[in-house]
Amino acid sequence: MSEDVRQGRRGVILVDLLQAAPLAASQRRTSSAWMKQNLPLFSQAALGTAFAIESPLVRGVLTALLWFQPMDVPHEVVRDLDAGVRWAIKRFEAERIAVPERLRAELGRVFRPAS
């Protein structure tokens, strides 16, 4: 992200938690510390962040947490990568940034290896 900021590039962060295992307490602390340390970069480099989470319960918990501790950038909690990419496309369009046709056509499939 620091290189993106240096070059004036901005993007959307799509966090894929669809296959994530629950984090141990030490992993949560490390992740939290990293987020706090890098928060200024998020604000400068990101047009927004989407979190893809399959579980409706976990999506609800994260949504509630973000109400109480909002991010400095627009954010969305979605059920799959397709929804995350659709949201990212809207963020790019709002900033008048060109969106590759492949991304529009394939949505979340762009992140899967070709078979």
PDB file of N, CA and C in Angstrom:
ATOM      1  N   MET A   1       0.818  -1.195   0.000  1.00  0.00           N
ATOM      2  CA  MET A   1       0.000   0.000   0.000  1.00  0.00           C
ATOM      3  C   MET A   1       0.859   1.256   0.000  1.00  0.00           C
ATOM      4  N   SER A   2       2.013   1.205   0.662  1.00  0.00           N
ATOM      5  CA  SER A   2       2.855   2.402   0.693  1.00  0.00           C
ATOM      6  C   SER A   2       3.323   2.765  -0.717  1.00  0.00           C
ATOM      7  N   GLU A   3       3.608   1.763  -1.548  1.00  0.00           N
ATOM      8  CA  GLU A   3       4.000   2.034  -2.932  1.00  0.00           C
ATOM      9  C   GLU A   3       2.825   2.613  -3.715  1.00  0.00           C
ATOM     10  N   ASP A   4       1.616   2.112  -3.475  1.00  0.00           N
ATOM     11  CA  ASP A   4       0.433   2.669  -4.137  1.00  0.00           C
ATOM     12  C   ASP A   4       0.246   4.132  -3.756  1.00  0.00           C
ATOM     13  N   VAL A   5       0.385   4.444  -2.484  1.00  0.00           N
ATOM     14  CA  VAL A   5       0.253   5.832  -2.026  1.00  0.00           C
ATOM     15  C   VAL A   5       1.315   6.697  -2.682  1.00  0.00           C
ATOM     16  N   ARG A   6       2.557   6.211  -2.697  1.00  0.00           N
ATOM     17  CA  ARG A   6       3.659   6.974  -3.292  1.00  0.00           C
ATOM     18  C   ARG A   6       3.388   7.290  -4.762  1.00  0.00           C
ATOM     19  N   GLN A   7       2.774   6.332  -5.472  1.00  0.00           N
ATOM     20  CA  GLN A   7       2.502   6.518  -6.904  1.00  0.00           C
ATOM     21  C   GLN A   7       1.125   7.111  -7.177  1.00  0.00           C
ATOM     22  N   GLY A   8       0.379   7.419  -6.126  1.00  0.00           N
ATOM     23  CA  GLY A   8      -0.935   8.028  -6.314  1.00  0.00           C
ATOM     24  C   GLY A   8      -2.003   7.067  -6.796  1.00  0.00           C
ATOM     25  N   ARG A   9      -1.788   5.764  -6.613  1.00  0.00           N
ATOM     26  CA  ARG A   9      -2.779   4.768  -7.034  1.00  0.00           C
ATOM     27  C   ARG A   9      -3.730   4.485  -5.868  1.00  0.00           C
ATOM     28  N   ARG A  10      -4.987   4.288  -6.222  1.00  0.00           N
ATOM     29  CA  ARG A  10      -5.981   3.908  -5.217  1.00  0.00           C
ATOM     30  C   ARG A  10      -6.753   2.713  -5.733  1.00  0.00           C
ATOM     31  N   GLY A  11      -7.179   1.854  -4.822  1.00  0.00           N
ATOM     32  CA  GLY A  11      -7.915   0.663  -5.208  1.00  0.00           C
ATOM     33  C   GLY A  11      -8.910   0.274  -4.142  1.00  0.00           C
ATOM     34  N   VAL A  12      -9.539  -0.850  -4.361  1.00  0.00           N
ATOM     35  CA  VAL A  12     -10.496  -1.409  -3.408  1.00  0.00           C
ATOM     36  C   VAL A  12      -9.882  -2.680  -2.844  1.00  0.00           C
ATOM     37  N   ILE A  13      -9.982  -2.837  -1.545  1.00  0.00           N
ATOM     38  CA  ILE A  13      -9.469  -4.030  -0.887  1.00  0.00           C
ATOM     39  C   ILE A  13     -10.630  -5.009  -0.735  1.00  0.00           C
ATOM     40  N   LEU A  14     -10.434  -6.222  -1.222  1.00  0.00           N
ATOM     41  CA  LEU A  14     -11.436  -7.276  -1.090  1.00  0.00           C
ATOM     42  C   LEU A  14     -10.832  -8.361  -0.208  1.00  0.00           C
ATOM     43  N   VAL A  15     -11.362  -8.490   0.990  1.00  0.00           N
ATOM     44  CA  VAL A  15     -10.853  -9.455   1.960  1.00  0.00           C
ATOM     45  C   VAL A  15     -11.686 -10.728   1.843  1.00  0.00           C
ATOM     46  N   ASP A  16     -11.049 -11.795   1.373  1.00  0.00           N
ATOM     47  CA  ASP A  16     -11.724 -13.083   1.162  1.00  0.00           C
ATOM     48  C   ASP A  16     -11.565 -13.929   2.421  1.00  0.00           C
ATOM     49  N   LEU A  17     -12.635 -14.004   3.204  1.00  0.00           N
ATOM     50  CA  LEU A  17     -12.639 -14.809   4.423  1.00  0.00           C
ATOM     51  C   LEU A  17     -13.539 -16.036   4.273  1.00  0.00           C
ATOM     52  N   LEU A  18     -13.817 -16.403   3.034  1.00  0.00           N
ATOM     53  CA  LEU A  18     -14.749 -17.488   2.776  1.00  0.00           C
ATOM     54  C   LEU A  18     -14.258 -18.832   3.288  1.00  0.00           C
ATOM     55  N   GLN A  19     -12.970 -19.050   3.303  1.00  0.00           N
ATOM     56  CA  GLN A  19     -12.427 -20.335   3.748  1.00  0.00           C
ATOM     57  C   GLN A  19     -11.577 -20.171   5.005  1.00  0.00           C
ATOM     58  N   ALA A  20     -11.675 -19.021   5.640  1.00  0.00           N
ATOM     59  CA  ALA A  20     -10.830 -18.742   6.803  1.00  0.00           C
ATOM     60  C   ALA A  20     -11.267 -19.556   8.016  1.00  0.00           C
ATOM     61  N   ALA A  21     -10.279 -20.079   8.703  1.00  0.00           N
ATOM     62  CA  ALA A  21     -10.528 -20.767   9.974  1.00  0.00           C
ATOM     63  C   ALA A  21     -10.560 -19.697  11.070  1.00  0.00           C
ATOM     64  N   PRO A  22     -11.215 -19.977  12.181  1.00  0.00           N
ATOM     65  CA  PRO A  22     -11.206 -19.017  13.282  1.00  0.00           C
ATOM     66  C   PRO A  22      -9.766 -18.711  13.710  1.00  0.00           C
ATOM     67  N   LEU A  23      -9.500 -17.450  14.028  1.00  0.00           N
ATOM     68  CA  LEU A  23      -8.158 -17.045  14.433  1.00  0.00           C
ATOM     69  C   LEU A  23      -7.926 -17.307  15.914  1.00  0.00           C
ATOM     70  N   ALA A  24      -6.720 -17.715  16.234  1.00  0.00           N
ATOM     71  CA  ALA A  24      -6.315 -17.853  17.630  1.00  0.00           C
ATOM     72  C   ALA A  24      -6.159 -16.453  18.221  1.00  0.00           C
ATOM     73  N   ALA A  25      -6.187 -16.347  19.537  1.00  0.00           N
ATOM     74  CA  ALA A  25      -6.072 -15.051  20.208  1.00  0.00           C
ATOM     75  C   ALA A  25      -4.802 -14.310  19.787  1.00  0.00           C
ATOM     76  N   SER A  26      -3.686 -15.013  19.675  1.00  0.00           N
ATOM     77  CA  SER A  26      -2.431 -14.358  19.283  1.00  0.00           C
ATOM     78  C   SER A  26      -2.522 -13.822  17.852  1.00  0.00           C
ATOM     79  N   GLN A  27      -3.211 -14.553  16.963  1.00  0.00           N
ATOM     80  CA  GLN A  27      -3.388 -14.087  15.584  1.00  0.00           C
ATOM     81  C   GLN A  27      -4.285 -12.853  15.547  1.00  0.00           C
ATOM     82  N   ARG A  28      -5.327 -12.838  16.376  1.00  0.00           N
ATOM     83  CA  ARG A  28      -6.203 -11.667  16.436  1.00  0.00           C
ATOM     84  C   ARG A  28      -5.434 -10.442  16.916  1.00  0.00           C
ATOM     85  N   ARG A  29      -4.580 -10.618  17.931  1.00  0.00           N
ATOM     86  CA  ARG A  29      -3.778  -9.494  18.439  1.00  0.00           C
ATOM     87  C   ARG A  29      -2.818  -8.977  17.369  1.00  0.00           C
ATOM     88  N   THR A  30      -2.152  -9.903  16.680  1.00  0.00           N
ATOM     89  CA  THR A  30      -1.221  -9.512  15.626  1.00  0.00           C
ATOM     90  C   THR A  30      -1.948  -8.774  14.508  1.00  0.00           C
ATOM     91  N   SER A  31      -3.102  -9.301  14.091  1.00  0.00           N
ATOM     92  CA  SER A  31      -3.892  -8.662  13.031  1.00  0.00           C
ATOM     93  C   SER A  31      -4.359  -7.271  13.454  1.00  0.00           C
ATOM     94  N   SER A  32      -4.812  -7.162  14.685  1.00  0.00           N
ATOM     95  CA  SER A  32      -5.278  -5.873  15.200  1.00  0.00           C
ATOM     96  C   SER A  32      -4.149  -4.853  15.243  1.00  0.00           C
ATOM     97  N   ALA A  33      -2.996  -5.278  15.711  1.00  0.00           N
ATOM     98  CA  ALA A  33      -1.840  -4.367  15.775  1.00  0.00           C
ATOM     99  C   ALA A  33      -1.433  -3.919  14.374  1.00  0.00           C
ATOM    100  N   TRP A  34      -1.429  -4.853  13.411  1.00  0.00           N
ATOM    101  CA  TRP A  34      -1.064  -4.512  12.042  1.00  0.00           C
ATOM    102  C   TRP A  34      -2.062  -3.504  11.460  1.00  0.00           C
ATOM    103  N   MET A  35      -3.350  -3.749  11.702  1.00  0.00           N
ATOM    104  CA  MET A  35      -4.380  -2.832  11.193  1.00  0.00           C
ATOM    105  C   MET A  35      -4.185  -1.429  11.775  1.00  0.00           C
ATOM    106  N   LYS A  36      -3.975  -1.330  13.078  1.00  0.00           N
ATOM    107  CA  LYS A  36      -3.783  -0.013  13.701  1.00  0.00           C
ATOM    108  C   LYS A  36      -2.558   0.686  13.130  1.00  0.00           C
ATOM    109  N   GLN A  37      -1.483  -0.056  12.952  1.00  0.00           N
ATOM    110  CA  GLN A  37      -0.244   0.511  12.430  1.00  0.00           C
ATOM    111  C   GLN A  37      -0.420   1.005  10.995  1.00  0.00           C
ATOM    112  N   ASN A  38      -1.216   0.302  10.203  1.00  0.00           N
ATOM    113  CA  ASN A  38      -1.352   0.619   8.783  1.00  0.00           C
ATOM    114  C   ASN A  38      -2.607   1.408   8.441  1.00  0.00           C
ATOM    115  N   LEU A  39      -3.387   1.802   9.436  1.00  0.00           N
ATOM    116  CA  LEU A  39      -4.629   2.530   9.181  1.00  0.00           C
ATOM    117  C   LEU A  39      -4.433   3.775   8.312  1.00  0.00           C
ATOM    118  N   PRO A  40      -3.389   4.572   8.532  1.00  0.00           N
ATOM    119  CA  PRO A  40      -3.201   5.735   7.650  1.00  0.00           C
ATOM    120  C   PRO A  40      -3.043   5.353   6.182  1.00  0.00           C
ATOM    121  N   LEU A  41      -2.363   4.228   5.925  1.00  0.00           N
ATOM    122  CA  LEU A  41      -2.212   3.777   4.537  1.00  0.00           C
ATOM    123  C   LEU A  41      -3.553   3.377   3.932  1.00  0.00           C
ATOM    124  N   PHE A  42      -4.395   2.703   4.707  1.00  0.00           N
ATOM    125  CA  PHE A  42      -5.722   2.327   4.217  1.00  0.00           C
ATOM    126  C   PHE A  42      -6.477   3.568   3.765  1.00  0.00           C
ATOM    127  N   SER A  43      -6.449   4.600   4.587  1.00  0.00           N
ATOM    128  CA  SER A  43      -7.193   5.821   4.281  1.00  0.00           C
ATOM    129  C   SER A  43      -6.693   6.478   3.010  1.00  0.00           C
ATOM    130  N   GLN A  44      -5.395   6.389   2.757  1.00  0.00           N
ATOM    131  CA  GLN A  44      -4.810   7.037   1.581  1.00  0.00           C
ATOM    132  C   GLN A  44      -4.898   6.176   0.326  1.00  0.00           C
ATOM    133  N   ALA A  45      -4.807   4.858   0.477  1.00  0.00           N
ATOM    134  CA  ALA A  45      -4.709   3.971  -0.692  1.00  0.00           C
ATOM    135  C   ALA A  45      -6.030   3.338  -1.098  1.00  0.00           C
ATOM    136  N   ALA A  46      -6.965   3.213  -0.158  1.00  0.00           N
ATOM    137  CA  ALA A  46      -8.175   2.437  -0.449  1.00  0.00           C
ATOM    138  C   ALA A  46      -9.384   3.319  -0.720  1.00  0.00           C
ATOM    139  N   LEU A  47     -10.103   2.951  -1.768  1.00  0.00           N
ATOM    140  CA  LEU A  47     -11.402   3.573  -2.044  1.00  0.00           C
ATOM    141  C   LEU A  47     -12.479   2.921  -1.196  1.00  0.00           C
ATOM    142  N   GLY A  48     -12.150   1.778  -0.614  1.00  0.00           N
ATOM    143  CA  GLY A  48     -13.091   1.050   0.222  1.00  0.00           C
ATOM    144  C   GLY A  48     -12.600  -0.361   0.444  1.00  0.00           C
ATOM    145  N   THR A  49     -13.261  -1.041   1.350  1.00  0.00           N
ATOM    146  CA  THR A  49     -12.921  -2.424   1.674  1.00  0.00           C
ATOM    147  C   THR A  49     -14.192  -3.246   1.749  1.00  0.00           C
ATOM    148  N   ALA A  50     -14.181  -4.400   1.082  1.00  0.00           N
ATOM    149  CA  ALA A  50     -15.293  -5.341   1.168  1.00  0.00           C
ATOM    150  C   ALA A  50     -14.780  -6.618   1.818  1.00  0.00           C
ATOM    151  N   PHE A  51     -15.566  -7.158   2.735  1.00  0.00           N
ATOM    152  CA  PHE A  51     -15.241  -8.397   3.427  1.00  0.00           C
ATOM    153  C   PHE A  51     -16.202  -9.478   2.945  1.00  0.00           C
ATOM    154  N   ALA A  52     -15.687 -10.532   2.322  1.00  0.00           N
ATOM    155  CA  ALA A  52     -16.524 -11.642   1.856  1.00  0.00           C
ATOM    156  C   ALA A  52     -16.516 -12.729   2.927  1.00  0.00           C
ATOM    157  N   ILE A  53     -17.695 -12.972   3.516  1.00  0.00           N
ATOM    158  CA  ILE A  53     -17.845 -13.942   4.602  1.00  0.00           C
ATOM    159  C   ILE A  53     -19.100 -14.761   4.336  1.00  0.00           C
ATOM    160  N   GLU A  54     -18.965 -16.067   4.336  1.00  0.00           N
ATOM    161  CA  GLU A  54     -20.097 -16.936   4.012  1.00  0.00           C
ATOM    162  C   GLU A  54     -21.153 -16.972   5.122  1.00  0.00           C
ATOM    163  N   SER A  55     -20.744 -17.069   6.356  1.00  0.00           N
ATOM    164  CA  SER A  55     -21.664 -17.251   7.480  1.00  0.00           C
ATOM    165  C   SER A  55     -22.494 -15.995   7.752  1.00  0.00           C
ATOM    166  N   PRO A  56     -23.827 -16.108   7.689  1.00  0.00           N
ATOM    167  CA  PRO A  56     -24.665 -14.945   8.009  1.00  0.00           C
ATOM    168  C   PRO A  56     -24.416 -14.430   9.432  1.00  0.00           C
ATOM    169  N   LEU A  57     -24.158 -15.343  10.355  1.00  0.00           N
ATOM    170  CA  LEU A  57     -23.900 -14.936  11.738  1.00  0.00           C
ATOM    171  C   LEU A  57     -22.622 -14.108  11.839  1.00  0.00           C
ATOM    172  N   VAL A  58     -21.555 -14.580  11.216  1.00  0.00           N
ATOM    173  CA  VAL A  58     -20.280 -13.855  11.265  1.00  0.00           C
ATOM    174  C   VAL A  58     -20.399 -12.528  10.516  1.00  0.00           C
ATOM    175  N   ARG A  59     -21.121 -12.530   9.394  1.00  0.00           N
ATOM    176  CA  ARG A  59     -21.345 -11.261   8.675  1.00  0.00           C
ATOM    177  C   ARG A  59     -22.059 -10.270   9.582  1.00  0.00           C
ATOM    178  N   GLY A  60     -23.060 -10.756  10.302  1.00  0.00           N
ATOM    179  CA  GLY A  60     -23.805  -9.883  11.208  1.00  0.00           C
ATOM    180  C   GLY A  60     -22.940  -9.338  12.324  1.00  0.00           C
ATOM    181  N   VAL A  61     -22.089 -10.187  12.881  1.00  0.00           N
ATOM    182  CA  VAL A  61     -21.192  -9.743  13.958  1.00  0.00           C
ATOM    183  C   VAL A  61     -20.232  -8.682  13.438  1.00  0.00           C
ATOM    184  N   LEU A  62     -19.622  -8.928  12.278  1.00  0.00           N
ATOM    185  CA  LEU A  62     -18.688  -7.941  11.728  1.00  0.00           C
ATOM    186  C   LEU A  62     -19.406  -6.635  11.395  1.00  0.00           C
ATOM    187  N   THR A  63     -20.596  -6.725  10.829  1.00  0.00           N
ATOM    188  CA  THR A  63     -21.369  -5.515  10.520  1.00  0.00           C
ATOM    189  C   THR A  63     -21.614  -4.711  11.792  1.00  0.00           C
ATOM    190  N   ALA A  64     -22.008  -5.393  12.865  1.00  0.00           N
ATOM    191  CA  ALA A  64     -22.251  -4.704  14.138  1.00  0.00           C
ATOM    192  C   ALA A  64     -20.968  -4.076  14.676  1.00  0.00           C
ATOM    193  N   LEU A  65     -19.866  -4.799  14.596  1.00  0.00           N
ATOM    194  CA  LEU A  65     -18.593  -4.242  15.056  1.00  0.00           C
ATOM    195  C   LEU A  65     -18.220  -2.986  14.274  1.00  0.00           C
ATOM    196  N   LEU A  66     -18.473  -3.010  12.979  1.00  0.00           N
ATOM    197  CA  LEU A  66     -18.141  -1.848  12.153  1.00  0.00           C
ATOM    198  C   LEU A  66     -19.067  -0.666  12.416  1.00  0.00           C
ATOM    199  N   TRP A  67     -20.250  -0.900  12.962  1.00  0.00           N
ATOM    200  CA  TRP A  67     -21.114   0.217  13.384  1.00  0.00           C
ATOM    201  C   TRP A  67     -20.469   0.940  14.564  1.00  0.00           C
ATOM    202  N   PHE A  68     -19.916   0.147  15.493  1.00  0.00           N
ATOM    203  CA  PHE A  68     -19.322   0.724  16.697  1.00  0.00           C
ATOM    204  C   PHE A  68     -17.908   1.230  16.477  1.00  0.00           C
ATOM    205  N   GLN A  69     -17.186   0.624  15.551  1.00  0.00           N
ATOM    206  CA  GLN A  69     -15.811   1.026  15.240  1.00  0.00           C
ATOM    207  C   GLN A  69     -15.677   1.143  13.720  1.00  0.00           C
ATOM    208  N   PRO A  70     -16.266   2.204  13.163  1.00  0.00           N
ATOM    209  CA  PRO A  70     -16.251   2.324  11.697  1.00  0.00           C
ATOM    210  C   PRO A  70     -14.837   2.521  11.148  1.00  0.00           C
ATOM    211  N   MET A  71     -14.661   2.112   9.923  1.00  0.00           N
ATOM    212  CA  MET A  71     -13.394   2.314   9.220  1.00  0.00           C
ATOM    213  C   MET A  71     -13.390   3.724   8.642  1.00  0.00           C
ATOM    214  N   ASP A  72     -12.199   4.201   8.273  1.00  0.00           N
ATOM    215  CA  ASP A  72     -12.074   5.528   7.675  1.00  0.00           C
ATOM    216  C   ASP A  72     -12.414   5.531   6.185  1.00  0.00           C
ATOM    217  N   VAL A  73     -12.672   4.374   5.635  1.00  0.00           N
ATOM    218  CA  VAL A  73     -13.026   4.266   4.225  1.00  0.00           C
ATOM    219  C   VAL A  73     -14.368   3.550   4.122  1.00  0.00           C
ATOM    220  N   PRO A  74     -15.091   3.747   3.028  1.00  0.00           N
ATOM    221  CA  PRO A  74     -16.337   2.997   2.856  1.00  0.00           C
ATOM    222  C   PRO A  74     -16.055   1.497   2.946  1.00  0.00           C
ATOM    223  N   HIS A  75     -17.006   0.772   3.496  1.00  0.00           N
ATOM    224  CA  HIS A  75     -16.829  -0.668   3.638  1.00  0.00           C
ATOM    225  C   HIS A  75     -18.173  -1.366   3.500  1.00  0.00           C
ATOM    226  N   GLU A  76     -18.062  -2.658   3.183  1.00  0.00           N
ATOM    227  CA  GLU A  76     -19.257  -3.485   2.993  1.00  0.00           C
ATOM    228  C   GLU A  76     -18.920  -4.901   3.409  1.00  0.00           C
ATOM    229  N   VAL A  77     -19.867  -5.567   4.031  1.00  0.00           N
ATOM    230  CA  VAL A  77     -19.721  -6.970   4.381  1.00  0.00           C
ATOM    231  C   VAL A  77     -20.656  -7.738   3.444  1.00  0.00           C
ATOM    232  N   VAL A  78     -20.075  -8.664   2.662  1.00  0.00           N
ATOM    233  CA  VAL A  78     -20.835  -9.360   1.614  1.00  0.00           C
ATOM    234  C   VAL A  78     -20.737 -10.874   1.799  1.00  0.00           C
ATOM    235  N   ARG A  79     -21.615 -11.601   1.093  1.00  0.00           N
ATOM    236  CA  ARG A  79     -21.682 -13.062   1.266  1.00  0.00           C
ATOM    237  C   ARG A  79     -20.755 -13.836   0.359  1.00  0.00           C
ATOM    238  N   ASP A  80     -20.260 -13.221  -0.732  1.00  0.00           N
ATOM    239  CA  ASP A  80     -19.376 -13.958  -1.639  1.00  0.00           C
ATOM    240  C   ASP A  80     -18.533 -12.981  -2.453  1.00  0.00           C
ATOM    241  N   LEU A  81     -17.583 -13.530  -3.201  1.00  0.00           N
ATOM    242  CA  LEU A  81     -16.677 -12.691  -3.979  1.00  0.00           C
ATOM    243  C   LEU A  81     -17.396 -11.925  -5.086  1.00  0.00           C
ATOM    244  N   ASP A  82     -18.415 -12.530  -5.696  1.00  0.00           N
ATOM    245  CA  ASP A  82     -19.161 -11.821  -6.737  1.00  0.00           C
ATOM    246  C   ASP A  82     -19.763 -10.533  -6.177  1.00  0.00           C
ATOM    247  N   ALA A  83     -20.375 -10.623  -5.005  1.00  0.00           N
ATOM    248  CA  ALA A  83     -20.964  -9.427  -4.386  1.00  0.00           C
ATOM    249  C   ALA A  83     -19.881  -8.410  -4.034  1.00  0.00           C
ATOM    250  N   GLY A  84     -18.727  -8.893  -3.595  1.00  0.00           N
ATOM    251  CA  GLY A  84     -17.620  -7.987  -3.283  1.00  0.00           C
ATOM    252  C   GLY A  84     -17.109  -7.264  -4.506  1.00  0.00           C
ATOM    253  N   VAL A  85     -16.984  -7.981  -5.612  1.00  0.00           N
ATOM    254  CA  VAL A  85     -16.518  -7.356  -6.851  1.00  0.00           C
ATOM    255  C   VAL A  85     -17.565  -6.362  -7.371  1.00  0.00           C
ATOM    256  N   ARG A  86     -18.851  -6.708  -7.293  1.00  0.00           N
ATOM    257  CA  ARG A  86     -19.894  -5.757  -7.709  1.00  0.00           C
ATOM    258  C   ARG A  86     -19.775  -4.458  -6.907  1.00  0.00           C
ATOM    259  N   TRP A  87     -19.569  -4.589  -5.590  1.00  0.00           N
ATOM    260  CA  TRP A  87     -19.433  -3.419  -4.729  1.00  0.00           C
ATOM    261  C   TRP A  87     -18.178  -2.625  -5.117  1.00  0.00           C
ATOM    262  N   ALA A  88     -17.072  -3.330  -5.387  1.00  0.00           N
ATOM    263  CA  ALA A  88     -15.827  -2.672  -5.792  1.00  0.00           C
ATOM    264  C   ALA A  88     -16.021  -1.899  -7.100  1.00  0.00           C
ATOM    265  N   ILE A  89     -16.723  -2.494  -8.043  1.00  0.00           N
ATOM    266  CA  ILE A  89     -16.988  -1.821  -9.322  1.00  0.00           C
ATOM    267  C   ILE A  89     -17.732  -0.511  -9.077  1.00  0.00           C
ATOM    268  N   LYS A  90     -18.714  -0.527  -8.194  1.00  0.00           N
ATOM    269  CA  LYS A  90     -19.446   0.710  -7.870  1.00  0.00           C
ATOM    270  C   LYS A  90     -18.520   1.764  -7.281  1.00  0.00           C
ATOM    271  N   ARG A  91     -17.588   1.346  -6.428  1.00  0.00           N
ATOM    272  CA  ARG A  91     -16.635   2.289  -5.835  1.00  0.00           C
ATOM    273  C   ARG A  91     -15.750   2.894  -6.925  1.00  0.00           C
ATOM    274  N   PHE A  92     -15.248   2.051  -7.850  1.00  0.00           N
ATOM    275  CA  PHE A  92     -14.434   2.560  -8.947  1.00  0.00           C
ATOM    276  C   PHE A  92     -15.235   3.526  -9.818  1.00  0.00           C
ATOM    277  N   GLU A  93     -16.468   3.149 -10.138  1.00  0.00           N
ATOM    278  CA  GLU A  93     -17.298   4.018 -10.975  1.00  0.00           C
ATOM    279  C   GLU A  93     -17.559   5.353 -10.291  1.00  0.00           C
ATOM    280  N   ALA A  94     -17.777   5.334  -8.982  1.00  0.00           N
ATOM    281  CA  ALA A  94     -18.016   6.580  -8.245  1.00  0.00           C
ATOM    282  C   ALA A  94     -16.807   7.517  -8.326  1.00  0.00           C
ATOM    283  N   GLU A  95     -15.632   6.942  -8.456  1.00  0.00           N
ATOM    284  CA  GLU A  95     -14.400   7.732  -8.559  1.00  0.00           C
ATOM    285  C   GLU A  95     -13.978   7.956 -10.014  1.00  0.00           C
ATOM    286  N   ARG A  96     -14.815   7.492 -10.939  1.00  0.00           N
ATOM    287  CA  ARG A  96     -14.546   7.612 -12.375  1.00  0.00           C
ATOM    288  C   ARG A  96     -13.231   6.934 -12.784  1.00  0.00           C
ATOM    289  N   ILE A  97     -13.018   5.735 -12.218  1.00  0.00           N
ATOM    290  CA  ILE A  97     -11.852   4.920 -12.550  1.00  0.00           C
ATOM    291  C   ILE A  97     -12.329   3.790 -13.456  1.00  0.00           C
ATOM    292  N   ALA A  98     -11.626   3.607 -14.569  1.00  0.00           N
ATOM    293  CA  ALA A  98     -12.011   2.578 -15.536  1.00  0.00           C
ATOM    294  C   ALA A  98     -11.958   1.191 -14.898  1.00  0.00           C
ATOM    295  N   VAL A  99     -12.952   0.390 -15.236  1.00  0.00           N
ATOM    296  CA  VAL A  99     -13.047  -0.979 -14.725  1.00  0.00           C
ATOM    297  C   VAL A  99     -12.833  -1.927 -15.902  1.00  0.00           C
ATOM    298  N   PRO A 100     -11.868  -2.843 -15.800  1.00  0.00           N
ATOM    299  CA  PRO A 100     -11.644  -3.787 -16.904  1.00  0.00           C
ATOM    300  C   PRO A 100     -12.892  -4.614 -17.188  1.00  0.00           C
ATOM    301  N   GLU A 101     -13.169  -4.831 -18.471  1.00  0.00           N
ATOM    302  CA  GLU A 101     -14.339  -5.617 -18.873  1.00  0.00           C
ATOM    303  C   GLU A 101     -14.295  -7.016 -18.284  1.00  0.00           C
ATOM    304  N   ARG A 102     -13.098  -7.599 -18.192  1.00  0.00           N
ATOM    305  CA  ARG A 102     -12.982  -8.946 -17.625  1.00  0.00           C
ATOM    306  C   ARG A 102     -13.524  -8.982 -16.200  1.00  0.00           C
ATOM    307  N   LEU A 103     -13.267  -7.957 -15.427  1.00  0.00           N
ATOM    308  CA  LEU A 103     -13.769  -7.911 -14.052  1.00  0.00           C
ATOM    309  C   LEU A 103     -15.291  -7.854 -14.049  1.00  0.00           C
ATOM    310  N   ARG A 104     -15.868  -7.047 -14.922  1.00  0.00           N
ATOM    311  CA  ARG A 104     -17.332  -6.972 -15.010  1.00  0.00           C
ATOM    312  C   ARG A 104     -17.934  -8.308 -15.432  1.00  0.00           C
ATOM    313  N   ALA A 105     -17.270  -8.987 -16.350  1.00  0.00           N
ATOM    314  CA  ALA A 105     -17.811 -10.235 -16.889  1.00  0.00           C
ATOM    315  C   ALA A 105     -17.640 -11.413 -15.932  1.00  0.00           C
ATOM    316  N   GLU A 106     -16.489 -11.475 -15.268  1.00  0.00           N
ATOM    317  CA  GLU A 106     -16.188 -12.654 -14.458  1.00  0.00           C
ATOM    318  C   GLU A 106     -16.456 -12.457 -12.974  1.00  0.00           C
ATOM    319  N   LEU A 107     -16.571 -11.229 -12.525  1.00  0.00           N
ATOM    320  CA  LEU A 107     -16.793 -10.913 -11.105  1.00  0.00           C
ATOM    321  C   LEU A 107     -15.765 -11.665 -10.249  1.00  0.00           C
ATOM    322  N   GLY A 108     -16.199 -12.372  -9.232  1.00  0.00           N
ATOM    323  CA  GLY A 108     -15.300 -13.045  -8.310  1.00  0.00           C
ATOM    324  C   GLY A 108     -14.497 -14.173  -8.925  1.00  0.00           C
ATOM    325  N   ARG A 109     -14.916 -14.641 -10.083  1.00  0.00           N
ATOM    326  CA  ARG A 109     -14.185 -15.737 -10.732  1.00  0.00           C
ATOM    327  C   ARG A 109     -12.782 -15.309 -11.162  1.00  0.00           C
ATOM    328  N   VAL A 110     -12.522 -14.007 -11.283  1.00  0.00           N
ATOM    329  CA  VAL A 110     -11.182 -13.557 -11.680  1.00  0.00           C
ATOM    330  C   VAL A 110     -10.127 -13.966 -10.656  1.00  0.00           C
ATOM    331  N   PHE A 111     -10.551 -14.278  -9.432  1.00  0.00           N
ATOM    332  CA  PHE A 111      -9.611 -14.659  -8.388  1.00  0.00           C
ATOM    333  C   PHE A 111      -9.374 -16.152  -8.312  1.00  0.00           C
ATOM    334  N   ARG A 112     -10.100 -16.911  -9.102  1.00  0.00           N
ATOM    335  CA  ARG A 112      -9.934 -18.363  -9.095  1.00  0.00           C
ATOM    336  C   ARG A 112      -8.954 -18.775 -10.201  1.00  0.00           C
ATOM    337  N   PRO A 113      -8.101 -19.749  -9.929  1.00  0.00           N
ATOM    338  CA  PRO A 113      -7.176 -20.204 -10.974  1.00  0.00           C
ATOM    339  C   PRO A 113      -7.931 -20.773 -12.170  1.00  0.00           C
ATOM    340  N   ALA A 114      -7.385 -20.540 -13.350  1.00  0.00           N
ATOM    341  CA  ALA A 114      -7.989 -21.111 -14.562  1.00  0.00           C
ATOM    342  C   ALA A 114      -7.831 -22.623 -14.535  1.00  0.00           C
ATOM    343  N   SER A 115      -8.857 -23.329 -14.989  1.00  0.00           N
ATOM    344  CA  SER A 115      -8.752 -24.794 -14.981  1.00  0.00           C
ATOM    345  C   SER A 115      -8.446 -25.339 -16.356  1.00  0.00           C
TER     346      SER A 115
END
